[in-house]
């Protein structure tokens, strides 16, 4: 995602705290390299966690990242639907609406 497309608050945090954000970026790289899951699966897992904590920004981010890693819109929707019995329909519905915003931009 281009810098100008980042949420304004996120770009500000990156600008004001580059060391912290570089460490956060490095942590993300390290944990993805540590195990056998491919990037697509890793982002689908992170998408599910984002939905579980009802983080709209993280859902948006992981939908974009999952798409870039090769996930289909059907896989993204299924990853969220799988959560219905765990986190409940209202949380899943919210996450689906946030995911749909990104899926529409990507199509």
PDB file of N, CA and C in Angstrom:
ATOM      1  N   UNK A   1       0.848  -1.170   0.000  1.00  0.00           N
ATOM      2  CA  UNK A   1       0.000   0.000   0.000  1.00  0.00           C
ATOM      3  C   UNK A   1       0.892   1.230   0.000  1.00  0.00           C
ATOM      4  N   UNK A   2       0.626   2.154  -0.863  1.00  0.00           N
ATOM      5  CA  UNK A   2       1.421   3.377  -0.945  1.00  0.00           C
ATOM      6  C   UNK A   2       1.242   4.198   0.328  1.00  0.00           C
ATOM      7  N   UNK A   3       2.282   4.934   0.685  1.00  0.00           N
ATOM      8  CA  UNK A   3       2.264   5.735   1.908  1.00  0.00           C
ATOM      9  C   UNK A   3       1.065   6.672   1.966  1.00  0.00           C
ATOM     10  N   UNK A   4       0.688   7.288   0.838  1.00  0.00           N
ATOM     11  CA  UNK A   4      -0.432   8.218   0.845  1.00  0.00           C
ATOM     12  C   UNK A   4      -1.769   7.535   1.077  1.00  0.00           C
ATOM     13  N   UNK A   5      -1.821   6.197   0.928  1.00  0.00           N
ATOM     14  CA  UNK A   5      -3.057   5.461   1.161  1.00  0.00           C
ATOM     15  C   UNK A   5      -3.182   4.957   2.597  1.00  0.00           C
ATOM     16  N   UNK A   6      -2.122   5.075   3.376  1.00  0.00           N
ATOM     17  CA  UNK A   6      -2.182   4.645   4.766  1.00  0.00           C
ATOM     18  C   UNK A   6      -3.116   5.566   5.540  1.00  0.00           C
ATOM     19  N   UNK A   7      -3.801   5.015   6.555  1.00  0.00           N
ATOM     20  CA  UNK A   7      -4.605   5.901   7.408  1.00  0.00           C
ATOM     21  C   UNK A   7      -3.706   7.006   7.982  1.00  0.00           C
ATOM     22  N   UNK A   8      -4.251   8.180   8.064  1.00  0.00           N
ATOM     23  CA  UNK A   8      -3.468   9.342   8.495  1.00  0.00           C
ATOM     24  C   UNK A   8      -2.800   9.122   9.854  1.00  0.00           C
ATOM     25  N   UNK A   9      -3.548   8.554  10.805  1.00  0.00           N
ATOM     26  CA  UNK A   9      -2.977   8.342  12.140  1.00  0.00           C
ATOM     27  C   UNK A   9      -1.811   7.360  12.077  1.00  0.00           C
ATOM     28  N   UNK A  10      -1.914   6.332  11.225  1.00  0.00           N
ATOM     29  CA  UNK A  10      -0.866   5.332  11.122  1.00  0.00           C
ATOM     30  C   UNK A  10       0.391   5.941  10.498  1.00  0.00           C
ATOM     31  N   UNK A  11       0.210   6.723   9.460  1.00  0.00           N
ATOM     32  CA  UNK A  11       1.347   7.393   8.827  1.00  0.00           C
ATOM     33  C   UNK A  11       2.035   8.327   9.824  1.00  0.00           C
ATOM     34  N   UNK A  12       1.239   8.998  10.663  1.00  0.00           N
ATOM     35  CA  UNK A  12       1.804   9.898  11.675  1.00  0.00           C
ATOM     36  C   UNK A  12       2.631   9.112  12.693  1.00  0.00           C
ATOM     37  N   UNK A  13       2.112   7.979  13.150  1.00  0.00           N
ATOM     38  CA  UNK A  13       2.851   7.162  14.108  1.00  0.00           C
ATOM     39  C   UNK A  13       4.149   6.673  13.481  1.00  0.00           C
ATOM     40  N   UNK A  14       4.092   6.238  12.217  1.00  0.00           N
ATOM     41  CA  UNK A  14       5.306   5.780  11.529  1.00  0.00           C
ATOM     42  C   UNK A  14       6.331   6.912  11.430  1.00  0.00           C
ATOM     43  N   UNK A  15       5.849   8.125  11.176  1.00  0.00           N
ATOM     44  CA  UNK A  15       6.754   9.264  11.041  1.00  0.00           C
ATOM     45  C   UNK A  15       7.347   9.676  12.386  1.00  0.00           C
ATOM     46  N   UNK A  16       6.543   9.703  13.416  1.00  0.00           N
ATOM     47  CA  UNK A  16       7.001  10.183  14.729  1.00  0.00           C
ATOM     48  C   UNK A  16       7.782   9.137  15.518  1.00  0.00           C
ATOM     49  N   UNK A  17       7.553   7.860  15.216  1.00  0.00           N
ATOM     50  CA  UNK A  17       8.192   6.787  15.982  1.00  0.00           C
ATOM     51  C   UNK A  17       8.775   5.723  15.044  1.00  0.00           C
ATOM     52  N   UNK A  18       9.720   6.134  14.205  1.00  0.00           N
ATOM     53  CA  UNK A  18      10.235   5.187  13.203  1.00  0.00           C
ATOM     54  C   UNK A  18      10.946   3.978  13.811  1.00  0.00           C
ATOM     55  N   UNK A  19      11.603   4.149  14.919  1.00  0.00           N
ATOM     56  CA  UNK A  19      12.296   3.020  15.545  1.00  0.00           C
ATOM     57  C   UNK A  19      11.330   1.961  16.042  1.00  0.00           C
ATOM     58  N   UNK A  20      10.262   2.415  16.666  1.00  0.00           N
ATOM     59  CA  UNK A  20       9.247   1.484  17.165  1.00  0.00           C
ATOM     60  C   UNK A  20       8.600   0.752  15.999  1.00  0.00           C
ATOM     61  N   UNK A  21       8.259   1.491  14.959  1.00  0.00           N
ATOM     62  CA  UNK A  21       7.587   0.876  13.817  1.00  0.00           C
ATOM     63  C   UNK A  21       8.517  -0.065  13.057  1.00  0.00           C
ATOM     64  N   UNK A  22       9.806   0.270  12.985  1.00  0.00           N
ATOM     65  CA  UNK A  22      10.764  -0.636  12.343  1.00  0.00           C
ATOM     66  C   UNK A  22      10.871  -1.933  13.140  1.00  0.00           C
ATOM     67  N   UNK A  23      10.870  -1.819  14.465  1.00  0.00           N
ATOM     68  CA  UNK A  23      10.922  -3.019  15.304  1.00  0.00           C
ATOM     69  C   UNK A  23       9.653  -3.849  15.138  1.00  0.00           C
ATOM     70  N   UNK A  24       8.509  -3.191  15.052  1.00  0.00           N
ATOM     71  CA  UNK A  24       7.252  -3.898  14.845  1.00  0.00           C
ATOM     72  C   UNK A  24       7.250  -4.618  13.494  1.00  0.00           C
ATOM     73  N   UNK A  25       7.729  -3.942  12.459  1.00  0.00           N
ATOM     74  CA  UNK A  25       7.829  -4.557  11.129  1.00  0.00           C
ATOM     75  C   UNK A  25       8.753  -5.778  11.168  1.00  0.00           C
ATOM     76  N   UNK A  26       9.896  -5.637  11.856  1.00  0.00           N
ATOM     77  CA  UNK A  26      10.856  -6.740  11.953  1.00  0.00           C
ATOM     78  C   UNK A  26      10.264  -7.915  12.723  1.00  0.00           C
ATOM     79  N   UNK A  27       9.478  -7.637  13.744  1.00  0.00           N
ATOM     80  CA  UNK A  27       8.823  -8.700  14.503  1.00  0.00           C
ATOM     81  C   UNK A  27       7.858  -9.465  13.604  1.00  0.00           C
ATOM     82  N   UNK A  28       7.094  -8.750  12.807  1.00  0.00           N
ATOM     83  CA  UNK A  28       6.170  -9.399  11.875  1.00  0.00           C
ATOM     84  C   UNK A  28       6.887 -10.319  10.909  1.00  0.00           C
ATOM     85  N   UNK A  29       8.005  -9.848  10.374  1.00  0.00           N
ATOM     86  CA  UNK A  29       8.794 -10.667   9.455  1.00  0.00           C
ATOM     87  C   UNK A  29       9.321 -11.902  10.183  1.00  0.00           C
ATOM     88  N   UNK A  30       9.831 -11.712  11.387  1.00  0.00           N
ATOM     89  CA  UNK A  30      10.415 -12.822  12.143  1.00  0.00           C
ATOM     90  C   UNK A  30       9.388 -13.895  12.464  1.00  0.00           C
ATOM     91  N   UNK A  31       8.199 -13.504  12.902  1.00  0.00           N
ATOM     92  CA  UNK A  31       7.213 -14.530  13.270  1.00  0.00           C
ATOM     93  C   UNK A  31       6.688 -15.266  12.042  1.00  0.00           C
ATOM     94  N   UNK A  32       6.590 -14.590  10.898  1.00  0.00           N
ATOM     95  CA  UNK A  32       6.155 -15.287   9.684  1.00  0.00           C
ATOM     96  C   UNK A  32       7.215 -16.282   9.211  1.00  0.00           C
ATOM     97  N   UNK A  33       8.485 -15.953   9.385  1.00  0.00           N
ATOM     98  CA  UNK A  33       9.567 -16.855   8.958  1.00  0.00           C
ATOM     99  C   UNK A  33       9.755 -18.029   9.918  1.00  0.00           C
ATOM    100  N   UNK A  34       9.275 -17.904  11.118  1.00  0.00           N
ATOM    101  CA  UNK A  34       9.546 -18.886  12.171  1.00  0.00           C
ATOM    102  C   UNK A  34       8.826 -20.218  11.970  1.00  0.00           C
ATOM    103  N   UNK A  35       7.731 -20.216  11.244  1.00  0.00           N
ATOM    104  CA  UNK A  35       6.970 -21.457  11.142  1.00  0.00           C
ATOM    105  C   UNK A  35       6.680 -21.866   9.720  1.00  0.00           C
ATOM    106  N   UNK A  36       5.938 -22.958   9.598  1.00  0.00           N
ATOM    107  CA  UNK A  36       5.690 -23.535   8.284  1.00  0.00           C
ATOM    108  C   UNK A  36       4.530 -22.914   7.506  1.00  0.00           C
ATOM    109  N   UNK A  37       3.748 -22.033   8.104  1.00  0.00           N
ATOM    110  CA  UNK A  37       2.605 -21.472   7.384  1.00  0.00           C
ATOM    111  C   UNK A  37       3.070 -20.532   6.276  1.00  0.00           C
ATOM    112  N   UNK A  38       2.424 -20.633   5.126  1.00  0.00           N
ATOM    113  CA  UNK A  38       2.749 -19.717   4.035  1.00  0.00           C
ATOM    114  C   UNK A  38       2.136 -18.343   4.328  1.00  0.00           C
ATOM    115  N   UNK A  39       2.537 -17.356   3.536  1.00  0.00           N
ATOM    116  CA  UNK A  39       2.073 -15.978   3.772  1.00  0.00           C
ATOM    117  C   UNK A  39       0.554 -15.860   3.700  1.00  0.00           C
ATOM    118  N   UNK A  40      -0.041 -16.531   2.741  1.00  0.00           N
ATOM    119  CA  UNK A  40      -1.495 -16.445   2.598  1.00  0.00           C
ATOM    120  C   UNK A  40      -2.180 -16.960   3.857  1.00  0.00           C
ATOM    121  N   UNK A  41      -1.795 -18.131   4.314  1.00  0.00           N
ATOM    122  CA  UNK A  41      -2.402 -18.710   5.508  1.00  0.00           C
ATOM    123  C   UNK A  41      -2.141 -17.833   6.728  1.00  0.00           C
ATOM    124  N   UNK A  42      -0.926 -17.316   6.842  1.00  0.00           N
ATOM    125  CA  UNK A  42      -0.592 -16.444   7.970  1.00  0.00           C
ATOM    126  C   UNK A  42      -1.499 -15.215   8.001  1.00  0.00           C
ATOM    127  N   UNK A  43      -1.752 -14.620   6.844  1.00  0.00           N
ATOM    128  CA  UNK A  43      -2.612 -13.436   6.823  1.00  0.00           C
ATOM    129  C   UNK A  43      -4.073 -13.788   7.067  1.00  0.00           C
ATOM    130  N   UNK A  44      -4.494 -14.978   6.675  1.00  0.00           N
ATOM    131  CA  UNK A  44      -5.864 -15.400   6.993  1.00  0.00           C
ATOM    132  C   UNK A  44      -6.019 -15.622   8.496  1.00  0.00           C
ATOM    133  N   UNK A  45      -4.991 -16.171   9.145  1.00  0.00           N
ATOM    134  CA  UNK A  45      -5.015 -16.332  10.597  1.00  0.00           C
ATOM    135  C   UNK A  45      -5.060 -14.958  11.262  1.00  0.00           C
ATOM    136  N   UNK A  46      -4.223 -14.039  10.791  1.00  0.00           N
ATOM    137  CA  UNK A  46      -4.202 -12.695  11.368  1.00  0.00           C
ATOM    138  C   UNK A  46      -5.506 -11.956  11.085  1.00  0.00           C
ATOM    139  N   UNK A  47      -6.119 -12.222   9.946  1.00  0.00           N
ATOM    140  CA  UNK A  47      -7.424 -11.650   9.647  1.00  0.00           C
ATOM    141  C   UNK A  47      -8.455 -12.134  10.661  1.00  0.00           C
ATOM    142  N   UNK A  48      -8.438 -13.427  10.945  1.00  0.00           N
ATOM    143  CA  UNK A  48      -9.378 -13.976  11.922  1.00  0.00           C
ATOM    144  C   UNK A  48      -9.163 -13.351  13.296  1.00  0.00           C
ATOM    145  N   UNK A  49      -7.918 -13.197  13.691  1.00  0.00           N
ATOM    146  CA  UNK A  49      -7.634 -12.566  14.987  1.00  0.00           C
ATOM    147  C   UNK A  49      -8.095 -11.115  14.995  1.00  0.00           C
ATOM    148  N   UNK A  50      -7.925 -10.435  13.894  1.00  0.00           N
ATOM    149  CA  UNK A  50      -8.368  -9.036  13.783  1.00  0.00           C
ATOM    150  C   UNK A  50      -9.879  -8.931  13.937  1.00  0.00           C
ATOM    151  N   UNK A  51     -10.586  -9.875  13.334  1.00  0.00           N
ATOM    152  CA  UNK A  51     -12.047  -9.896  13.468  1.00  0.00           C
ATOM    153  C   UNK A  51     -12.435 -10.179  14.916  1.00  0.00           C
ATOM    154  N   UNK A  52     -11.721 -11.096  15.551  1.00  0.00           N
ATOM    155  CA  UNK A  52     -12.040 -11.469  16.930  1.00  0.00           C
ATOM    156  C   UNK A  52     -11.897 -10.294  17.898  1.00  0.00           C
ATOM    157  N   UNK A  53     -10.926  -9.423  17.631  1.00  0.00           N
ATOM    158  CA  UNK A  53     -10.760  -8.260  18.516  1.00  0.00           C
ATOM    159  C   UNK A  53     -11.502  -7.029  17.992  1.00  0.00           C
ATOM    160  N   UNK A  54     -12.263  -7.228  16.915  1.00  0.00           N
ATOM    161  CA  UNK A  54     -13.089  -6.184  16.306  1.00  0.00           C
ATOM    162  C   UNK A  54     -12.268  -4.947  15.919  1.00  0.00           C
ATOM    163  N   UNK A  55     -11.118  -5.210  15.297  1.00  0.00           N
ATOM    164  CA  UNK A  55     -10.249  -4.132  14.840  1.00  0.00           C
ATOM    165  C   UNK A  55     -10.478  -3.880  13.357  1.00  0.00           C
ATOM    166  N   UNK A  56     -11.233  -2.848  13.055  1.00  0.00           N
ATOM    167  CA  UNK A  56     -11.553  -2.535  11.670  1.00  0.00           C
ATOM    168  C   UNK A  56     -10.301  -2.291  10.848  1.00  0.00           C
ATOM    169  N   UNK A  57      -9.375  -1.518  11.377  1.00  0.00           N
ATOM    170  CA  UNK A  57      -8.143  -1.227  10.637  1.00  0.00           C
ATOM    171  C   UNK A  57      -7.336  -2.472  10.350  1.00  0.00           C
ATOM    172  N   UNK A  58      -7.246  -3.377  11.330  1.00  0.00           N
ATOM    173  CA  UNK A  58      -6.486  -4.607  11.123  1.00  0.00           C
ATOM    174  C   UNK A  58      -7.184  -5.528  10.124  1.00  0.00           C
ATOM    175  N   UNK A  59      -8.519  -5.575  10.150  1.00  0.00           N
ATOM    176  CA  UNK A  59      -9.247  -6.368   9.159  1.00  0.00           C
ATOM    177  C   UNK A  59      -8.944  -5.829   7.769  1.00  0.00           C
ATOM    178  N   UNK A  60      -9.046  -4.515   7.599  1.00  0.00           N
ATOM    179  CA  UNK A  60      -8.726  -3.913   6.299  1.00  0.00           C
ATOM    180  C   UNK A  60      -7.311  -4.300   5.870  1.00  0.00           C
ATOM    181  N   UNK A  61      -6.353  -4.142   6.773  1.00  0.00           N
ATOM    182  CA  UNK A  61      -4.957  -4.413   6.456  1.00  0.00           C
ATOM    183  C   UNK A  61      -4.733  -5.868   6.068  1.00  0.00           C
ATOM    184  N   UNK A  62      -5.298  -6.794   6.825  1.00  0.00           N
ATOM    185  CA  UNK A  62      -5.040  -8.202   6.543  1.00  0.00           C
ATOM    186  C   UNK A  62      -5.822  -8.713   5.342  1.00  0.00           C
ATOM    187  N   UNK A  63      -6.939  -8.090   5.012  1.00  0.00           N
ATOM    188  CA  UNK A  63      -7.599  -8.430   3.746  1.00  0.00           C
ATOM    189  C   UNK A  63      -6.677  -8.034   2.595  1.00  0.00           C
ATOM    190  N   UNK A  64      -6.140  -6.815   2.639  1.00  0.00           N
ATOM    191  CA  UNK A  64      -5.234  -6.383   1.567  1.00  0.00           C
ATOM    192  C   UNK A  64      -4.020  -7.298   1.481  1.00  0.00           C
ATOM    193  N   UNK A  65      -3.439  -7.619   2.628  1.00  0.00           N
ATOM    194  CA  UNK A  65      -2.246  -8.459   2.650  1.00  0.00           C
ATOM    195  C   UNK A  65      -2.553  -9.878   2.191  1.00  0.00           C
ATOM    196  N   UNK A  66      -3.698 -10.412   2.598  1.00  0.00           N
ATOM    197  CA  UNK A  66      -4.077 -11.758   2.164  1.00  0.00           C
ATOM    198  C   UNK A  66      -4.269 -11.795   0.652  1.00  0.00           C
ATOM    199  N   UNK A  67      -4.904 -10.764   0.119  1.00  0.00           N
ATOM    200  CA  UNK A  67      -5.079 -10.696  -1.335  1.00  0.00           C
ATOM    201  C   UNK A  67      -3.724 -10.669  -2.044  1.00  0.00           C
ATOM    202  N   UNK A  68      -2.807  -9.836  -1.554  1.00  0.00           N
ATOM    203  CA  UNK A  68      -1.476  -9.766  -2.159  1.00  0.00           C
ATOM    204  C   UNK A  68      -0.729 -11.102  -2.054  1.00  0.00           C
ATOM    205  N   UNK A  69      -1.048 -11.867  -0.993  1.00  0.00           N
ATOM    206  CA  UNK A  69      -0.388 -13.165  -0.796  1.00  0.00           C
ATOM    207  C   UNK A  69      -1.068 -14.275  -1.588  1.00  0.00           C
ATOM    208  N   UNK A  70      -2.122 -13.936  -2.346  1.00  0.00           N
ATOM    209  CA  UNK A  70      -2.751 -14.913  -3.216  1.00  0.00           C
ATOM    210  C   UNK A  70      -4.089 -15.456  -2.758  1.00  0.00           C
ATOM    211  N   UNK A  71      -4.625 -14.951  -1.656  1.00  0.00           N
ATOM    212  CA  UNK A  71      -5.934 -15.420  -1.192  1.00  0.00           C
ATOM    213  C   UNK A  71      -7.025 -14.907  -2.130  1.00  0.00           C
ATOM    214  N   UNK A  72      -8.025 -15.721  -2.322  1.00  0.00           N
ATOM    215  CA  UNK A  72      -9.180 -15.301  -3.115  1.00  0.00           C
ATOM    216  C   UNK A  72     -10.190 -14.633  -2.189  1.00  0.00           C
ATOM    217  N   UNK A  73     -11.115 -13.904  -2.771  1.00  0.00           N
ATOM    218  CA  UNK A  73     -12.157 -13.284  -1.958  1.00  0.00           C
ATOM    219  C   UNK A  73     -12.967 -14.365  -1.249  1.00  0.00           C
ATOM    220  N   UNK A  74     -13.160 -15.512  -1.894  1.00  0.00           N
ATOM    221  CA  UNK A  74     -13.898 -16.609  -1.271  1.00  0.00           C
ATOM    222  C   UNK A  74     -13.171 -17.144  -0.045  1.00  0.00           C
ATOM    223  N   UNK A  75     -11.844 -17.241  -0.115  1.00  0.00           N
ATOM    224  CA  UNK A  75     -11.068 -17.711   1.044  1.00  0.00           C
ATOM    225  C   UNK A  75     -11.141 -16.709   2.183  1.00  0.00           C
ATOM    226  N   UNK A  76     -11.105 -15.446   1.865  1.00  0.00           N
ATOM    227  CA  UNK A  76     -11.191 -14.406   2.894  1.00  0.00           C
ATOM    228  C   UNK A  76     -12.545 -14.462   3.589  1.00  0.00           C
ATOM    229  N   UNK A  77     -13.604 -14.541   2.814  1.00  0.00           N
ATOM    230  CA  UNK A  77     -14.951 -14.617   3.398  1.00  0.00           C
ATOM    231  C   UNK A  77     -15.086 -15.886   4.225  1.00  0.00           C
ATOM    232  N   UNK A  78     -14.581 -17.015   3.720  1.00  0.00           N
ATOM    233  CA  UNK A  78     -14.683 -18.265   4.464  1.00  0.00           C
ATOM    234  C   UNK A  78     -13.918 -18.190   5.778  1.00  0.00           C
ATOM    235  N   UNK A  79     -12.727 -17.598   5.768  1.00  0.00           N
ATOM    236  CA  UNK A  79     -11.946 -17.448   7.001  1.00  0.00           C
ATOM    237  C   UNK A  79     -12.746 -16.694   8.057  1.00  0.00           C
ATOM    238  N   UNK A  80     -13.523 -15.718   7.621  1.00  0.00           N
ATOM    239  CA  UNK A  80     -14.342 -14.956   8.565  1.00  0.00           C
ATOM    240  C   UNK A  80     -15.588 -15.734   8.982  1.00  0.00           C
ATOM    241  N   UNK A  81     -16.230 -16.404   8.039  1.00  0.00           N
ATOM    242  CA  UNK A  81     -17.424 -17.186   8.370  1.00  0.00           C
ATOM    243  C   UNK A  81     -17.116 -18.302   9.369  1.00  0.00           C
ATOM    244  N   UNK A  82     -15.914 -18.849   9.304  1.00  0.00           N
ATOM    245  CA  UNK A  82     -15.517 -19.903  10.234  1.00  0.00           C
ATOM    246  C   UNK A  82     -15.571 -19.455  11.691  1.00  0.00           C
ATOM    247  N   UNK A  83     -15.592 -18.161  11.908  1.00  0.00           N
ATOM    248  CA  UNK A  83     -15.569 -17.616  13.260  1.00  0.00           C
ATOM    249  C   UNK A  83     -16.949 -17.503  13.905  1.00  0.00           C
ATOM    250  N   UNK A  84     -18.010 -17.737  13.162  1.00  0.00           N
ATOM    251  CA  UNK A  84     -19.365 -17.507  13.684  1.00  0.00           C
ATOM    252  C   UNK A  84     -19.602 -18.233  15.001  1.00  0.00           C
ATOM    253  N   UNK A  85     -19.219 -19.492  15.095  1.00  0.00           N
ATOM    254  CA  UNK A  85     -19.487 -20.237  16.328  1.00  0.00           C
ATOM    255  C   UNK A  85     -18.518 -19.880  17.450  1.00  0.00           C
ATOM    256  N   UNK A  86     -17.461 -19.166  17.120  1.00  0.00           N
ATOM    257  CA  UNK A  86     -16.462 -18.798  18.117  1.00  0.00           C
ATOM    258  C   UNK A  86     -16.668 -17.389  18.660  1.00  0.00           C
ATOM    259  N   UNK A  87     -16.859 -16.418  17.759  1.00  0.00           N
ATOM    260  CA  UNK A  87     -16.969 -15.022  18.210  1.00  0.00           C
ATOM    261  C   UNK A  87     -18.360 -14.442  18.016  1.00  0.00           C
ATOM    262  N   UNK A  88     -19.254 -15.180  17.366  1.00  0.00           N
ATOM    263  CA  UNK A  88     -20.632 -14.732  17.206  1.00  0.00           C
ATOM    264  C   UNK A  88     -20.879 -13.996  15.904  1.00  0.00           C
ATOM    265  N   UNK A  89     -22.136 -14.052  15.492  1.00  0.00           N
ATOM    266  CA  UNK A  89     -22.516 -13.440  14.216  1.00  0.00           C
ATOM    267  C   UNK A  89     -22.324 -11.930  14.176  1.00  0.00           C
ATOM    268  N   UNK A  90     -22.655 -11.172  15.232  1.00  0.00           N
ATOM    269  CA  UNK A  90     -22.465  -9.720  15.119  1.00  0.00           C
ATOM    270  C   UNK A  90     -21.010  -9.320  14.821  1.00  0.00           C
ATOM    271  N   UNK A  91     -20.058  -9.968  15.472  1.00  0.00           N
ATOM    272  CA  UNK A  91     -18.649  -9.656  15.217  1.00  0.00           C
ATOM    273  C   UNK A  91     -18.236 -10.082  13.815  1.00  0.00           C
ATOM    274  N   UNK A  92     -18.709 -11.240  13.378  1.00  0.00           N
ATOM    275  CA  UNK A  92     -18.393 -11.719  12.035  1.00  0.00           C
ATOM    276  C   UNK A  92     -19.034 -10.804  10.993  1.00  0.00           C
ATOM    277  N   UNK A  93     -20.254 -10.398  11.234  1.00  0.00           N
ATOM    278  CA  UNK A  93     -20.935  -9.510  10.298  1.00  0.00           C
ATOM    279  C   UNK A  93     -20.173  -8.195  10.140  1.00  0.00           C
ATOM    280  N   UNK A  94     -19.723  -7.645  11.245  1.00  0.00           N
ATOM    281  CA  UNK A  94     -18.935  -6.409  11.174  1.00  0.00           C
ATOM    282  C   UNK A  94     -17.664  -6.639  10.365  1.00  0.00           C
ATOM    283  N   UNK A  95     -16.956  -7.736  10.654  1.00  0.00           N
ATOM    284  CA  UNK A  95     -15.709  -8.031   9.942  1.00  0.00           C
ATOM    285  C   UNK A  95     -15.956  -8.258   8.452  1.00  0.00           C
ATOM    286  N   UNK A  96     -17.057  -8.922   8.126  1.00  0.00           N
ATOM    287  CA  UNK A  96     -17.389  -9.130   6.715  1.00  0.00           C
ATOM    288  C   UNK A  96     -17.634  -7.800   6.007  1.00  0.00           C
ATOM    289  N   UNK A  97     -18.282  -6.879   6.689  1.00  0.00           N
ATOM    290  CA  UNK A  97     -18.539  -5.571   6.057  1.00  0.00           C
ATOM    291  C   UNK A  97     -17.232  -4.818   5.837  1.00  0.00           C
ATOM    292  N   UNK A  98     -16.315  -4.906   6.790  1.00  0.00           N
ATOM    293  CA  UNK A  98     -15.011  -4.244   6.623  1.00  0.00           C
ATOM    294  C   UNK A  98     -14.212  -4.914   5.513  1.00  0.00           C
ATOM    295  N   UNK A  99     -14.244  -6.253   5.482  1.00  0.00           N
ATOM    296  CA  UNK A  99     -13.536  -6.984   4.420  1.00  0.00           C
ATOM    297  C   UNK A  99     -14.107  -6.632   3.064  1.00  0.00           C
ATOM    298  N   UNK A 100     -15.415  -6.531   2.973  1.00  0.00           N
ATOM    299  CA  UNK A 100     -16.067  -6.228   1.697  1.00  0.00           C
ATOM    300  C   UNK A 100     -15.602  -4.884   1.126  1.00  0.00           C
ATOM    301  N   UNK A 101     -15.363  -3.921   2.009  1.00  0.00           N
ATOM    302  CA  UNK A 101     -14.856  -2.623   1.552  1.00  0.00           C
ATOM    303  C   UNK A 101     -13.544  -2.794   0.798  1.00  0.00           C
ATOM    304  N   UNK A 102     -12.662  -3.616   1.326  1.00  0.00           N
ATOM    305  CA  UNK A 102     -11.362  -3.852   0.680  1.00  0.00           C
ATOM    306  C   UNK A 102     -11.512  -4.701  -0.575  1.00  0.00           C
ATOM    307  N   UNK A 103     -12.390  -5.689  -0.512  1.00  0.00           N
ATOM    308  CA  UNK A 103     -12.603  -6.553  -1.678  1.00  0.00           C
ATOM    309  C   UNK A 103     -13.166  -5.754  -2.855  1.00  0.00           C
ATOM    310  N   UNK A 104     -14.042  -4.812  -2.564  1.00  0.00           N
ATOM    311  CA  UNK A 104     -14.597  -3.965  -3.632  1.00  0.00           C
ATOM    312  C   UNK A 104     -13.526  -3.065  -4.234  1.00  0.00           C
ATOM    313  N   UNK A 105     -12.629  -2.555  -3.393  1.00  0.00           N
ATOM    314  CA  UNK A 105     -11.534  -1.716  -3.909  1.00  0.00           C
ATOM    315  C   UNK A 105     -10.603  -2.538  -4.802  1.00  0.00           C
ATOM    316  N   UNK A 106     -10.414  -3.809  -4.451  1.00  0.00           N
ATOM    317  CA  UNK A 106      -9.483  -4.656  -5.185  1.00  0.00           C
ATOM    318  C   UNK A 106     -10.044  -5.159  -6.497  1.00  0.00           C
ATOM    319  N   UNK A 107     -11.364  -5.139  -6.636  1.00  0.00           N
ATOM    320  CA  UNK A 107     -11.951  -5.701  -7.870  1.00  0.00           C
ATOM    321  C   UNK A 107     -12.064  -4.685  -8.976  1.00  0.00           C
TER     322      UNK A 107
END
